[in-house]
Amino acid sequence: MRTLIATLVSMALTAPALAADPIEQEALKQRLDELNEELEYLSERLDKAERHTATDRIQFTGDFRVRAHTLHYQDVTWNPAMLVDFNDFGAKAMSGQLGDPMDPNSPLGAMMAANPGLAEAFMSGQLQGVMPMLLAPKQTYDVNNDILYNTRLRLNLKAQVWDNVSFAGRLTMYKNWGDSTGVQVFDSWRSFTMDGTNSGNTSGDWLRVERAYFDWKDIADTNFYLSIGRRPSTYGPPTQYRENELRGGTPSGHLVNFNFDGATLGYKLGEITGVEGQVVRFCYGQGFESQWGNGEMFGDIVTKDTHLGGFNIDAINDGTHFLQFTLFGAKDINDGFKGLMAFPTQLAGIFAPTMYQDMQKFDDFNFVTRVQPSSVIGDMYLGGLGYAYEADNGFVGFASFGWTRAESNGNAGLFGGMLADARFEAALNADGTEILMVPVAAQDAGNHDGYGAYVGIQIPAPGGKFGLEYNYGSKYWTPFTQAQDDPIGSKLATRGHVGEAYYIFDINPKMHIKLAGLYYDYEYSGSGTPVGAPQSVDEILAGTAYSMLPVIDTAYDINATLALKF
């Protein structure tokens, strides 16, 4: 098209010049050169506009982070046991349901022969009622990982679909250096990578879809907006300060740092009240799909879908003051999630003795297995109030207070029920050759309230900013922050104390270095999971309390970060 215009202009200008005198011909030639320059300039602008229009359909931005940690755990203790109803065991043994105790080939006789200490205690009447049955000797040790490097890459996608409709997404790669297995040995609940935590757990050198959703604003010329998809529910306020980022998610980061699929219906209330940034949101999501892919066609499904819903209100958000209220509930929580894990050899020795015989021949092998929950254990409710102040000189101060309530329905799986341990009873396996301990109910089930506090400051400092943070969680504190990418575990899910100090050096507006240190002092076990009764760490260390998984007393993480945005 541009070539045709240039040709026509050239013909129009050169035709009269053929008949003109030399002076007029030279003037026309000069004018033609000027027009050609203008056309070339317009052509370049047109090319840029065309390319800009094409690429603006999807805009790509991103960030890249490299971090080095030194991790140290003190007095890690493994003292596994299960609560067994020995009255039930005795009644079944006396009735002969478990076989002849004098016959070494019977299930009961074989069990007594393999566990002489248990047999002696049982025969002497020491085991009555519901008591812990020890599964392995108590071990206490320190763990030091002097250097752990990891890399995180996040690619942001954005597209303007229509005047009031847009799409946003984020693809994330998060990996440890030298490791792309994607599956961790199951030694804690944070090592169990699942749908809601994939973005916060190192899982390999591939991109995962952390976010993908659309926003439909000003619906029917009102203040309502609707957003559906894999929602931005990680790195919410006030956790963005320690990340040196803008607010990353909608809900309070003190209560929620967990990917979920769902919808948000919001209303910009500030347009009516005149309070800047005032927004009311109703959020709905699904945290677990129980049937599809879980063997429903075999009729073995006893779990249920987990649905979440609640309100998130930004009461004030004017750039200086931020005040937020959060209240939501999760119905039909199960005793775990679908996912993959490497089965630990230590648990194989307890629960899979036949398999353990072969595993000892390959002591550095762990088989990968798909796991899924076994029971619905109850409901949960969470609420919180958060406030942040940002001064013009760069000072930041914030405080957040959270509440969690767990309501058990009395059910339990292998690792327990809703903030309650499982009670096991003896039963024969399918062919009647072996005694199994089967979880039948949650021991001391009930309703449990927990609370957490999170405070911090950030002050301008030479070359950047300095920050101090502290958080505390009570015995039954159970927020949904498992996707927080602290390698020791989500600091905000800790049942105990965590202190953090950091210094951020701003190299330029798109690049920074961060030096940080975190210290964990755990008071109770089970941080980050609603499954199982929290036990006093001091009592586990003393051998008077038990935990199916290793328990940390204290730990610290010193790390250095280089991050940039592009």
Protein backbone atom coordinates (compact mmCIF):
# COMPACT_ATOMS: atom_id res chain seq x y z
CA MET A 1 0.00 0.00 0.00
CA ARG A 2 2.79 2.40 0.92
CA THR A 3 4.65 1.51 -2.33
CA LEU A 4 1.56 2.32 -4.37
CA ILE A 5 1.17 5.72 -2.67
CA ALA A 6 4.82 6.55 -3.26
CA THR A 7 4.54 5.58 -6.93
CA LEU A 8 1.44 7.71 -7.48
CA VAL A 9 3.01 10.68 -5.75
CA SER A 10 6.17 10.25 -7.78
CA MET A 11 4.19 10.10 -11.04
CA ALA A 12 2.16 13.14 -10.11
CA LEU A 13 5.23 15.18 -9.35
CA THR A 14 7.53 14.04 -12.15
CA ALA A 15 5.05 14.29 -15.03
CA PRO A 16 4.84 18.10 -14.97
CA ALA A 17 8.56 18.25 -14.48
CA LEU A 18 9.20 16.77 -17.91
CA ALA A 19 7.81 19.86 -19.53
CA ALA A 20 9.14 22.39 -17.03
CA ASP A 21 12.24 24.57 -17.40
CA PRO A 22 15.38 23.49 -15.48
CA ILE A 23 14.73 25.78 -12.50
CA GLU A 24 11.19 24.49 -12.02
CA GLN A 25 12.39 20.92 -12.57
CA GLU A 26 15.00 21.27 -9.82
CA ALA A 27 12.41 22.70 -7.41
CA LEU A 28 10.03 19.86 -8.11
CA LYS A 29 12.82 17.32 -7.61
CA GLN A 30 13.66 18.84 -4.24
CA ARG A 31 10.01 18.72 -3.27
CA LEU A 32 9.84 15.07 -4.30
CA ASP A 33 12.84 14.22 -2.10
CA GLU A 34 11.18 15.93 0.85
CA LEU A 35 7.95 13.99 0.31
CA ASN A 36 9.88 10.71 0.07
CA GLU A 37 11.55 11.43 3.41
CA GLU A 38 8.17 12.18 4.97
CA LEU A 39 6.76 8.96 3.51
CA GLU A 40 9.69 6.95 4.88
CA TYR A 41 9.15 8.47 8.33
CA LEU A 42 5.41 7.71 8.16
CA SER A 43 6.16 4.17 7.01
CA GLU A 44 8.43 3.54 10.01
CA ARG A 45 5.79 4.86 12.37
CA LEU A 46 3.15 2.70 10.70
CA ASP A 47 5.34 -0.40 11.03
CA LYS A 48 5.85 0.29 14.74
CA ALA A 49 2.14 0.86 15.25
CA GLU A 50 1.30 -2.38 13.47
CA ARG A 51 3.82 -4.34 15.53
CA HIS A 52 2.63 -2.64 18.72
CA THR A 53 -0.99 -3.51 17.97
CA ALA A 54 -0.10 -7.12 17.29
CA THR A 55 2.08 -7.61 20.36
CA ASP A 56 -0.32 -5.73 22.64
CA ARG A 57 -2.77 -8.59 22.30
CA ILE A 58 -0.65 -10.34 24.95
CA GLN A 59 1.85 -8.40 27.06
CA PHE A 60 4.66 -10.31 28.74
CA THR A 61 6.49 -9.17 31.86
CA GLY A 62 8.20 -11.15 34.55
CA ASP A 63 10.63 -11.47 37.40
CA PHE A 64 13.67 -13.62 38.10
CA ARG A 65 15.05 -14.51 41.52
CA VAL A 66 18.12 -16.43 42.65
CA ARG A 67 18.49 -17.20 46.34
CA ALA A 68 21.10 -18.94 48.48
CA HIS A 69 20.09 -20.39 51.87
CA THR A 70 21.98 -21.89 54.76
CA LEU A 71 19.51 -23.97 56.79
CA HIS A 72 20.05 -25.33 60.29
CA TYR A 73 17.62 -27.42 62.38
CA GLN A 74 18.22 -28.11 66.07
CA ASP A 75 16.82 -31.04 68.10
CA VAL A 76 14.78 -32.63 65.35
CA THR A 77 12.94 -35.48 67.08
CA TRP A 78 11.15 -38.50 65.68
CA ASN A 79 9.15 -40.40 68.29
CA PRO A 80 6.38 -42.19 66.38
CA ALA A 81 3.46 -43.93 68.04
CA MET A 82 -0.22 -44.61 67.42
CA LEU A 83 -3.10 -44.49 69.88
CA VAL A 84 -4.50 -48.03 70.20
CA ASP A 85 -7.72 -49.06 71.94
CA PHE A 86 -6.28 -51.92 73.98
CA ASN A 87 -9.63 -52.70 75.61
CA ASP A 88 -10.99 -53.45 72.14
CA PHE A 89 -7.79 -55.38 71.34
CA GLY A 90 -8.14 -57.48 74.50
CA ALA A 91 -11.79 -58.27 73.86
CA LYS A 92 -11.05 -59.44 70.31
CA ALA A 93 -8.02 -61.46 71.47
CA MET A 94 -10.00 -63.19 74.25
CA SER A 95 -12.84 -64.04 71.86
CA GLY A 96 -10.46 -65.64 69.38
CA GLN A 97 -11.18 -63.16 66.58
CA LEU A 98 -7.45 -62.56 66.12
CA GLY A 99 -6.37 -66.19 66.32
CA ASP A 100 -4.72 -68.40 68.97
CA PRO A 101 -2.02 -66.49 70.89
CA MET A 102 -0.18 -69.77 71.55
CA ASP A 103 0.01 -70.63 67.85
CA PRO A 104 3.00 -68.80 66.28
CA ASN A 105 1.40 -69.25 62.86
CA SER A 106 -1.81 -67.43 63.83
CA PRO A 107 -2.12 -63.64 63.32
CA LEU A 108 -2.09 -62.95 67.07
CA GLY A 109 0.70 -65.43 67.77
CA ALA A 110 2.86 -63.96 65.01
CA MET A 111 2.27 -60.43 66.30
CA MET A 112 3.20 -61.40 69.86
CA ALA A 113 6.33 -63.21 68.68
CA ALA A 114 7.43 -60.20 66.62
CA ASN A 115 6.79 -57.75 69.50
CA PRO A 116 7.82 -59.47 72.77
CA GLY A 117 7.82 -56.23 74.72
CA LEU A 118 4.27 -55.47 73.61
CA ALA A 119 3.20 -59.04 74.43
CA GLU A 120 4.70 -58.88 77.93
CA ALA A 121 3.07 -55.51 78.69
CA PHE A 122 -0.28 -56.71 77.39
CA MET A 123 -0.21 -60.02 79.31
CA SER A 124 0.75 -58.23 82.55
CA GLY A 125 -2.24 -55.89 82.25
CA GLN A 126 -0.20 -52.74 81.65
CA LEU A 127 -2.02 -51.92 78.41
CA GLN A 128 -5.58 -50.84 79.06
CA GLY A 129 -7.83 -48.23 77.53
CA VAL A 130 -6.52 -45.99 74.72
CA MET A 131 -2.73 -45.78 74.96
CA PRO A 132 0.16 -45.02 72.62
CA MET A 133 1.83 -48.00 70.99
CA LEU A 134 5.44 -47.11 70.18
CA LEU A 135 6.43 -47.74 66.57
CA ALA A 136 10.17 -46.95 66.62
CA PRO A 137 12.80 -45.80 69.11
CA LYS A 138 12.96 -42.05 69.76
CA GLN A 139 15.65 -40.26 67.79
CA THR A 140 16.91 -36.70 68.31
CA TYR A 141 19.42 -35.11 65.95
CA ASP A 142 20.49 -31.87 64.27
CA VAL A 143 20.26 -31.26 60.52
CA ASN A 144 22.49 -28.80 58.68
CA ASN A 145 22.16 -27.89 55.02
CA ASP A 146 25.02 -25.46 54.67
CA ILE A 147 24.07 -24.28 51.19
CA LEU A 148 20.84 -24.56 49.21
CA TYR A 149 20.46 -22.59 45.99
CA ASN A 150 17.19 -22.10 44.18
CA THR A 151 15.87 -20.16 41.21
CA ARG A 152 12.40 -18.78 40.61
CA LEU A 153 11.16 -17.51 37.25
CA ARG A 154 7.69 -15.98 36.89
CA LEU A 155 6.23 -14.91 33.55
CA ASN A 156 3.22 -12.60 33.65
CA LEU A 157 0.69 -12.58 30.82
CA LYS A 158 -1.82 -9.78 30.29
CA ALA A 159 -4.33 -9.15 27.52
CA GLN A 160 -7.05 -6.52 27.03
CA VAL A 161 -10.00 -8.47 25.68
CA TRP A 162 -12.44 -5.57 25.53
CA ASP A 163 -12.90 -2.15 27.08
CA ASN A 164 -13.92 -3.66 30.43
CA VAL A 165 -12.67 -7.24 30.10
CA SER A 166 -9.07 -8.36 30.59
CA PHE A 167 -7.14 -11.58 31.07
CA ALA A 168 -4.17 -12.17 33.36
CA GLY A 169 -1.98 -15.16 34.02
CA ARG A 170 1.31 -16.17 35.58
CA LEU A 171 3.58 -19.09 34.76
CA THR A 172 6.08 -20.11 37.43
CA MET A 173 9.22 -22.20 37.52
CA TYR A 174 10.71 -22.76 40.97
CA LYS A 175 13.57 -25.20 41.40
CA ASN A 176 16.53 -26.08 43.55
CA TRP A 177 19.86 -26.11 41.78
CA GLY A 178 20.72 -29.61 40.66
CA ASP A 179 17.22 -31.00 41.27
CA SER A 180 14.27 -31.35 38.91
CA THR A 181 12.69 -34.53 40.27
CA GLY A 182 9.52 -32.68 41.23
CA VAL A 183 8.85 -35.10 44.11
CA GLN A 184 10.17 -34.87 47.67
CA VAL A 185 10.53 -37.55 50.32
CA PHE A 186 7.56 -37.22 52.66
CA ASP A 187 9.10 -36.06 55.94
CA SER A 188 6.72 -33.18 56.67
CA TRP A 189 3.44 -31.79 55.39
CA ARG A 190 5.27 -29.06 53.47
CA SER A 191 7.12 -31.71 51.43
CA PHE A 192 3.82 -33.00 50.08
CA THR A 193 3.43 -30.92 46.90
CA MET A 194 -0.21 -30.47 45.93
CA ASP A 195 -2.39 -28.31 43.73
CA GLY A 196 -2.55 -25.37 46.12
CA THR A 197 1.17 -25.25 46.90
CA ASN A 198 2.88 -25.94 43.56
CA SER A 199 4.00 -22.33 43.16
CA GLY A 200 5.68 -22.26 46.58
CA ASN A 201 7.41 -25.64 46.54
CA THR A 202 10.49 -26.29 44.44
CA SER A 203 9.26 -28.76 41.85
CA GLY A 204 11.61 -28.71 38.86
CA ASP A 205 12.58 -26.93 35.69
CA TRP A 206 9.13 -26.68 34.13
CA LEU A 207 6.55 -23.91 34.11
CA ARG A 208 3.34 -24.33 36.07
CA VAL A 209 0.22 -22.23 35.66
CA GLU A 210 0.08 -20.38 38.95
CA ARG A 211 -2.61 -17.93 37.81
CA ALA A 212 -5.06 -17.72 34.90
CA TYR A 213 -8.21 -15.62 35.24
CA PHE A 214 -10.28 -12.88 33.62
CA ASP A 215 -11.64 -9.64 35.08
CA TRP A 216 -14.99 -8.27 33.89
CA LYS A 217 -15.31 -4.74 35.28
CA ASP A 218 -18.16 -2.22 35.46
CA ILE A 219 -20.75 -4.87 34.61
CA ALA A 220 -23.81 -3.24 33.03
CA ASP A 221 -22.36 0.19 33.92
CA THR A 222 -22.39 -0.61 37.65
CA ASN A 223 -19.64 -0.86 40.27
CA PHE A 224 -19.75 -4.66 40.18
CA TYR A 225 -16.93 -6.76 38.74
CA LEU A 226 -16.49 -10.50 38.26
CA SER A 227 -13.32 -12.56 38.08
CA ILE A 228 -13.15 -16.32 37.41
CA GLY A 229 -10.21 -18.72 37.08
CA ARG A 230 -7.08 -19.65 38.98
CA ARG A 231 -7.15 -16.64 41.22
CA PRO A 232 -4.36 -14.40 42.63
CA SER A 233 -4.47 -15.70 46.19
CA THR A 234 -0.75 -15.70 47.07
CA TYR A 235 1.53 -12.98 48.47
CA GLY A 236 -1.34 -10.88 49.81
CA PRO A 237 -0.97 -8.04 52.34
CA PRO A 238 1.15 -7.48 54.33
CA THR A 239 3.59 -10.14 53.03
CA GLN A 240 4.49 -8.05 49.96
CA TYR A 241 6.86 -5.89 52.02
CA ARG A 242 9.31 -8.71 52.76
CA GLU A 243 9.12 -9.67 49.07
CA ASN A 244 9.92 -6.07 48.01
CA GLU A 245 6.93 -6.15 45.68
CA LEU A 246 3.54 -4.57 45.25
CA ARG A 247 0.52 -6.32 46.70
CA GLY A 248 0.43 -9.73 45.02
CA GLY A 249 -2.87 -11.25 46.08
CA THR A 250 -6.38 -10.33 47.16
CA PRO A 251 -6.78 -12.02 50.58
CA SER A 252 -4.73 -11.43 53.70
CA GLY A 253 -1.34 -13.11 53.29
CA HIS A 254 -1.41 -13.79 57.03
CA LEU A 255 -4.37 -16.14 56.52
CA VAL A 256 -4.10 -17.27 52.90
CA ASN A 257 -1.12 -18.06 50.69
CA PHE A 258 -2.60 -20.90 48.69
CA ASN A 259 -3.47 -21.25 45.01
CA PHE A 260 -7.11 -22.00 44.33
CA ASP A 261 -9.54 -22.12 41.46
CA GLY A 262 -12.67 -20.08 41.91
CA ALA A 263 -14.48 -16.80 41.40
CA THR A 264 -14.69 -13.36 42.97
CA LEU A 265 -17.67 -11.01 42.78
CA GLY A 266 -16.65 -7.54 43.90
CA TYR A 267 -18.26 -4.15 44.37
CA LYS A 268 -16.33 -0.87 44.39
CA LEU A 269 -18.04 0.58 47.43
CA GLY A 270 -15.72 3.58 47.49
CA GLU A 271 -17.53 5.00 44.47
CA ILE A 272 -20.53 5.50 46.79
CA THR A 273 -18.94 6.16 50.19
CA GLY A 274 -16.11 8.33 48.87
CA VAL A 275 -13.53 6.24 50.75
CA GLU A 276 -10.63 5.64 48.39
CA GLY A 277 -9.98 2.02 47.49
CA GLN A 278 -12.95 0.64 49.43
CA VAL A 279 -13.95 -2.67 47.87
CA VAL A 280 -16.19 -5.52 49.06
CA ARG A 281 -15.53 -8.96 47.59
CA PHE A 282 -17.27 -12.30 47.89
CA CYS A 283 -14.89 -15.12 47.02
CA TYR A 284 -15.71 -18.73 46.21
CA GLY A 285 -13.36 -21.57 45.35
CA GLN A 286 -12.83 -25.29 45.26
CA GLY A 287 -9.87 -26.62 47.17
CA PHE A 288 -10.23 -30.31 46.38
CA GLU A 289 -11.95 -32.53 43.79
CA SER A 290 -12.83 -35.82 45.45
CA GLN A 291 -14.32 -37.98 42.72
CA TRP A 292 -12.87 -37.41 39.26
CA GLY A 293 -9.67 -39.40 38.94
CA ASN A 294 -9.93 -40.93 42.42
CA GLY A 295 -11.48 -44.26 41.50
CA GLU A 296 -15.12 -43.24 41.69
CA MET A 297 -16.11 -45.98 39.24
CA PHE A 298 -14.95 -48.57 41.79
CA GLY A 299 -17.31 -47.12 44.40
CA ASP A 300 -14.54 -46.57 46.94
CA ILE A 301 -14.88 -42.81 47.34
CA VAL A 302 -15.70 -41.63 50.86
CA THR A 303 -14.17 -38.15 50.61
CA LYS A 304 -16.01 -35.03 49.44
CA ASP A 305 -15.22 -31.93 47.42
CA THR A 306 -13.82 -29.12 49.55
CA HIS A 307 -15.50 -25.76 48.89
CA LEU A 308 -14.44 -22.38 50.24
CA GLY A 309 -16.35 -19.13 50.47
CA GLY A 310 -16.23 -15.84 52.31
CA PHE A 311 -15.73 -12.11 52.26
CA ASN A 312 -12.66 -9.97 51.81
CA ILE A 313 -13.13 -6.24 52.45
CA ASP A 314 -10.64 -3.47 51.77
CA ALA A 315 -12.10 -0.85 54.11
CA ILE A 316 -9.39 1.74 53.31
CA ASN A 317 -6.73 1.66 50.60
CA ASP A 318 -5.59 5.21 49.85
CA GLY A 319 -1.86 4.64 49.39
CA THR A 320 -1.05 5.62 52.97
CA HIS A 321 -3.52 3.66 55.08
CA PHE A 322 -4.65 0.12 54.35
CA LEU A 323 -7.30 -1.65 56.42
CA GLN A 324 -8.60 -5.09 55.51
CA PHE A 325 -11.13 -7.54 56.96
CA THR A 326 -11.22 -11.22 56.00
CA LEU A 327 -13.73 -13.92 56.92
CA PHE A 328 -14.25 -17.22 55.14
CA GLY A 329 -14.96 -20.89 55.69
CA ALA A 330 -13.90 -24.20 54.16
CA LYS A 331 -16.43 -27.02 54.17
CA ASP A 332 -15.67 -30.74 54.06
CA ILE A 333 -11.94 -30.67 54.58
CA ASN A 334 -10.27 -34.03 53.98
CA ASP A 335 -7.28 -35.58 55.70
CA GLY A 336 -4.92 -34.58 52.90
CA PHE A 337 -4.81 -33.77 49.20
CA LYS A 338 -4.11 -35.53 45.94
CA GLY A 339 -0.44 -35.48 45.07
CA LEU A 340 2.83 -37.32 44.63
CA MET A 341 5.43 -38.18 47.23
CA ALA A 342 8.51 -40.35 47.63
CA PHE A 343 7.62 -42.86 50.33
CA PRO A 344 10.17 -42.65 53.19
CA THR A 345 12.03 -45.84 54.05
CA GLN A 346 11.46 -45.17 57.75
CA LEU A 347 7.68 -45.36 57.39
CA ALA A 348 7.99 -48.44 55.19
CA GLY A 349 9.67 -50.20 58.10
CA ILE A 350 6.56 -49.50 60.21
CA PHE A 351 3.65 -49.81 57.82
CA ALA A 352 4.96 -51.98 54.97
CA PRO A 353 7.28 -54.61 56.51
CA THR A 354 7.10 -56.98 53.53
CA MET A 355 8.05 -54.19 51.14
CA TYR A 356 10.67 -53.00 53.60
CA GLN A 357 12.51 -56.30 53.27
CA ASP A 358 13.18 -55.50 49.61
CA MET A 359 13.77 -51.78 50.19
CA GLN A 360 16.70 -52.57 52.50
CA LYS A 361 18.53 -54.00 49.50
CA PHE A 362 18.31 -50.56 47.86
CA ASP A 363 18.60 -48.20 50.79
CA ASP A 364 18.93 -45.16 48.54
CA PHE A 365 15.73 -45.89 46.58
CA ASN A 366 12.37 -44.35 47.41
CA PHE A 367 9.36 -45.35 45.38
CA VAL A 368 7.08 -42.54 44.16
CA THR A 369 3.41 -43.00 44.87
CA ARG A 370 0.21 -41.11 44.20
CA VAL A 371 -1.63 -40.39 47.43
CA GLN A 372 -5.11 -39.15 48.20
CA PRO A 373 -7.10 -38.52 51.37
CA SER A 374 -9.16 -41.21 53.02
CA SER A 375 -11.80 -39.33 55.00
CA VAL A 376 -13.67 -36.05 55.50
CA ILE A 377 -12.55 -34.74 58.90
CA GLY A 378 -14.53 -31.50 59.39
CA ASP A 379 -14.88 -27.82 58.59
CA MET A 380 -12.74 -24.74 59.15
CA TYR A 381 -13.33 -21.01 59.55
CA LEU A 382 -10.78 -18.21 59.34
CA GLY A 383 -10.98 -14.50 60.09
CA GLY A 384 -8.56 -11.63 60.30
CA LEU A 385 -7.95 -7.91 60.60
CA GLY A 386 -4.93 -6.24 59.04
CA TYR A 387 -3.63 -2.67 58.96
CA ALA A 388 -0.63 -1.13 57.19
CA TYR A 389 0.74 2.40 57.13
CA GLU A 390 3.04 3.70 54.38
CA ALA A 391 4.60 7.11 54.96
CA ASP A 392 5.88 9.40 52.22
CA ASN A 393 9.44 8.99 53.51
CA GLY A 394 9.36 5.22 52.92
CA PHE A 395 8.53 4.08 56.47
CA VAL A 396 6.14 1.12 56.64
CA GLY A 397 4.46 -0.37 59.68
CA PHE A 398 1.87 -3.13 59.81
CA ALA A 399 -0.04 -5.40 62.17
CA SER A 400 -2.26 -8.36 61.38
CA PHE A 401 -4.31 -10.55 63.70
CA GLY A 402 -5.89 -13.83 62.66
CA TRP A 403 -8.29 -16.41 64.06
CA THR A 404 -8.90 -19.98 62.95
CA ARG A 405 -11.55 -22.44 64.10
CA ALA A 406 -11.50 -26.16 63.35
CA GLU A 407 -14.67 -28.19 63.83
CA SER A 408 -14.02 -31.93 63.81
CA ASN A 409 -16.67 -34.43 62.74
CA GLY A 410 -14.91 -37.26 64.58
CA ASN A 411 -13.43 -38.99 61.53
CA ALA A 412 -9.72 -39.73 61.14
CA GLY A 413 -7.26 -41.22 58.70
CA LEU A 414 -3.79 -42.66 59.20
CA PHE A 415 -2.27 -39.34 60.35
CA GLY A 416 -5.30 -38.21 62.36
CA GLY A 417 -8.48 -36.17 62.21
CA MET A 418 -9.18 -32.46 62.43
CA LEU A 419 -6.57 -31.29 64.98
CA ALA A 420 -6.97 -34.68 66.66
CA ASP A 421 -5.02 -37.92 66.60
CA ALA A 422 -6.52 -41.11 65.24
CA ARG A 423 -7.66 -43.95 67.49
CA PHE A 424 -6.67 -47.34 66.07
CA GLU A 425 -8.34 -50.70 66.54
CA ALA A 426 -7.09 -54.16 65.60
CA ALA A 427 -8.57 -55.91 62.57
CA LEU A 428 -7.58 -58.78 60.31
CA ASN A 429 -6.47 -58.18 56.75
CA ALA A 430 -8.49 -59.42 53.77
CA ASP A 431 -7.22 -63.02 53.89
CA GLY A 432 -7.15 -63.23 57.70
CA THR A 433 -3.40 -63.80 57.96
CA GLU A 434 -2.24 -60.54 59.57
CA ILE A 435 -3.41 -58.10 62.23
CA LEU A 436 -3.75 -54.50 61.01
CA MET A 437 -4.20 -51.38 63.09
CA VAL A 438 -7.00 -49.44 61.46
CA PRO A 439 -7.90 -45.78 62.23
CA VAL A 440 -11.55 -45.76 63.30
CA ALA A 441 -12.14 -42.30 64.81
CA ALA A 442 -10.52 -39.10 66.04
CA GLN A 443 -9.49 -39.21 69.68
CA ASP A 444 -10.70 -36.26 71.78
CA ALA A 445 -12.36 -34.68 68.74
CA GLY A 446 -13.99 -31.30 69.17
CA ASN A 447 -13.83 -27.65 68.16
CA HIS A 448 -10.52 -25.83 68.49
CA ASP A 449 -9.80 -22.11 68.16
CA GLY A 450 -6.38 -20.78 67.25
CA TYR A 451 -4.97 -17.31 66.86
CA GLY A 452 -1.98 -15.67 65.25
CA ALA A 453 -0.29 -12.27 65.32
CA TYR A 454 2.01 -10.75 62.70
CA VAL A 455 3.73 -7.36 63.03
CA GLY A 456 6.55 -5.62 61.24
CA ILE A 457 8.27 -2.40 60.25
CA GLN A 458 10.32 -1.34 57.26
CA ILE A 459 12.46 1.79 57.40
CA PRO A 460 14.58 3.65 54.82
CA ALA A 461 18.26 2.81 55.13
CA PRO A 462 21.45 3.63 53.21
CA GLY A 463 21.11 2.11 49.76
CA GLY A 464 17.66 0.67 50.37
CA LYS A 465 15.53 -0.38 53.35
CA PHE A 466 15.72 -2.40 56.56
CA GLY A 467 12.91 -4.55 57.91
CA LEU A 468 11.98 -6.41 61.09
CA GLU A 469 9.10 -8.87 61.37
CA TYR A 470 7.69 -11.11 64.11
CA ASN A 471 4.84 -13.60 64.08
CA TYR A 472 3.33 -15.97 66.61
CA GLY A 473 0.88 -18.83 66.26
CA SER A 474 -0.95 -20.60 69.08
CA LYS A 475 -1.39 -24.35 69.60
CA TYR A 476 -4.33 -24.67 67.19
CA TRP A 477 -3.34 -21.91 64.74
CA THR A 478 -4.09 -23.29 61.24
CA PRO A 479 -3.99 -20.74 58.38
CA PHE A 480 -3.93 -21.62 54.67
CA THR A 481 -0.40 -20.36 53.94
CA GLN A 482 1.26 -23.57 52.76
CA ALA A 483 2.32 -22.02 49.40
CA GLN A 484 4.62 -19.52 51.13
CA ASP A 485 8.06 -20.42 49.76
CA ASP A 486 10.10 -20.42 52.98
CA PRO A 487 12.10 -23.71 52.71
CA ILE A 488 11.85 -24.56 56.42
CA GLY A 489 8.09 -24.09 56.14
CA SER A 490 5.62 -21.23 55.97
CA LYS A 491 6.73 -18.91 58.73
CA LEU A 492 3.19 -17.57 59.11
CA ALA A 493 1.83 -21.09 59.75
CA THR A 494 4.26 -21.67 62.63
CA ARG A 495 2.80 -22.77 65.95
CA GLY A 496 5.31 -20.84 67.95
CA HIS A 497 7.56 -17.84 67.33
CA VAL A 498 9.36 -16.58 64.23
CA GLY A 499 11.58 -13.52 63.98
CA GLU A 500 12.94 -12.14 60.72
CA ALA A 501 15.34 -9.34 59.86
CA TYR A 502 16.33 -8.24 56.38
CA TYR A 503 18.18 -5.55 54.46
CA ILE A 504 17.17 -4.76 50.88
CA PHE A 505 19.70 -2.96 48.65
CA ASP A 506 18.01 -1.29 45.69
CA ILE A 507 20.46 -1.57 42.79
CA ASN A 508 18.00 0.16 40.47
CA PRO A 509 14.20 0.36 40.28
CA LYS A 510 14.11 -3.08 38.62
CA MET A 511 16.77 -4.92 40.61
CA HIS A 512 17.63 -5.53 44.27
CA ILE A 513 19.74 -7.60 46.63
CA LYS A 514 18.25 -8.87 49.89
CA LEU A 515 20.07 -10.26 52.92
CA ALA A 516 17.80 -11.93 55.47
CA GLY A 517 17.68 -14.17 58.49
CA LEU A 518 14.75 -16.09 60.00
CA TYR A 519 14.66 -17.84 63.37
CA TYR A 520 11.94 -20.39 64.20
CA ASP A 521 11.07 -21.49 67.73
CA TYR A 522 8.33 -24.13 67.51
CA GLU A 523 6.09 -24.73 70.51
CA TYR A 524 3.76 -27.34 68.98
CA SER A 525 3.97 -29.92 66.23
CA GLY A 526 1.97 -29.98 63.00
CA SER A 527 2.50 -26.41 61.80
CA GLY A 528 0.75 -25.88 58.47
CA THR A 529 -1.68 -28.80 58.62
CA PRO A 530 -5.11 -29.38 60.21
CA VAL A 531 -4.43 -33.13 60.41
CA GLY A 532 -3.41 -34.53 63.78
CA ALA A 533 -3.34 -33.20 67.32
CA PRO A 534 -0.67 -30.55 68.00
CA GLN A 535 1.77 -31.91 70.56
CA SER A 536 4.13 -29.95 72.79
CA VAL A 537 7.60 -29.98 71.23
CA ASP A 538 9.16 -30.04 74.69
CA GLU A 539 7.15 -33.16 75.58
CA ILE A 540 8.15 -34.87 72.31
CA LEU A 541 11.80 -34.09 73.13
CA ALA A 542 11.27 -35.58 76.60
CA GLY A 543 9.70 -38.72 75.12
CA THR A 544 6.29 -38.23 76.77
CA ALA A 545 4.50 -37.17 73.56
CA TYR A 546 4.60 -38.63 70.07
CA SER A 547 4.52 -37.63 66.43
CA MET A 548 4.27 -39.74 63.28
CA LEU A 549 6.57 -37.27 61.45
CA PRO A 550 9.81 -35.58 62.63
CA VAL A 551 9.31 -32.48 64.76
CA ILE A 552 11.60 -29.43 64.80
CA ASP A 553 12.43 -27.61 68.02
CA THR A 554 14.30 -24.58 66.63
CA ALA A 555 15.68 -23.68 63.21
CA TYR A 556 17.21 -20.77 61.36
CA ASP A 557 17.53 -19.75 57.72
CA ILE A 558 20.13 -17.21 56.58
CA ASN A 559 19.70 -16.30 52.94
CA ALA A 560 20.82 -13.91 50.21
CA THR A 561 18.69 -12.95 47.21
CA LEU A 562 19.32 -11.31 43.85
CA ALA A 563 16.06 -10.41 42.10
CA LEU A 564 15.11 -8.44 39.02
CA LYS A 565 11.99 -7.51 37.07
CA PHE A 566 11.72 -7.31 33.31
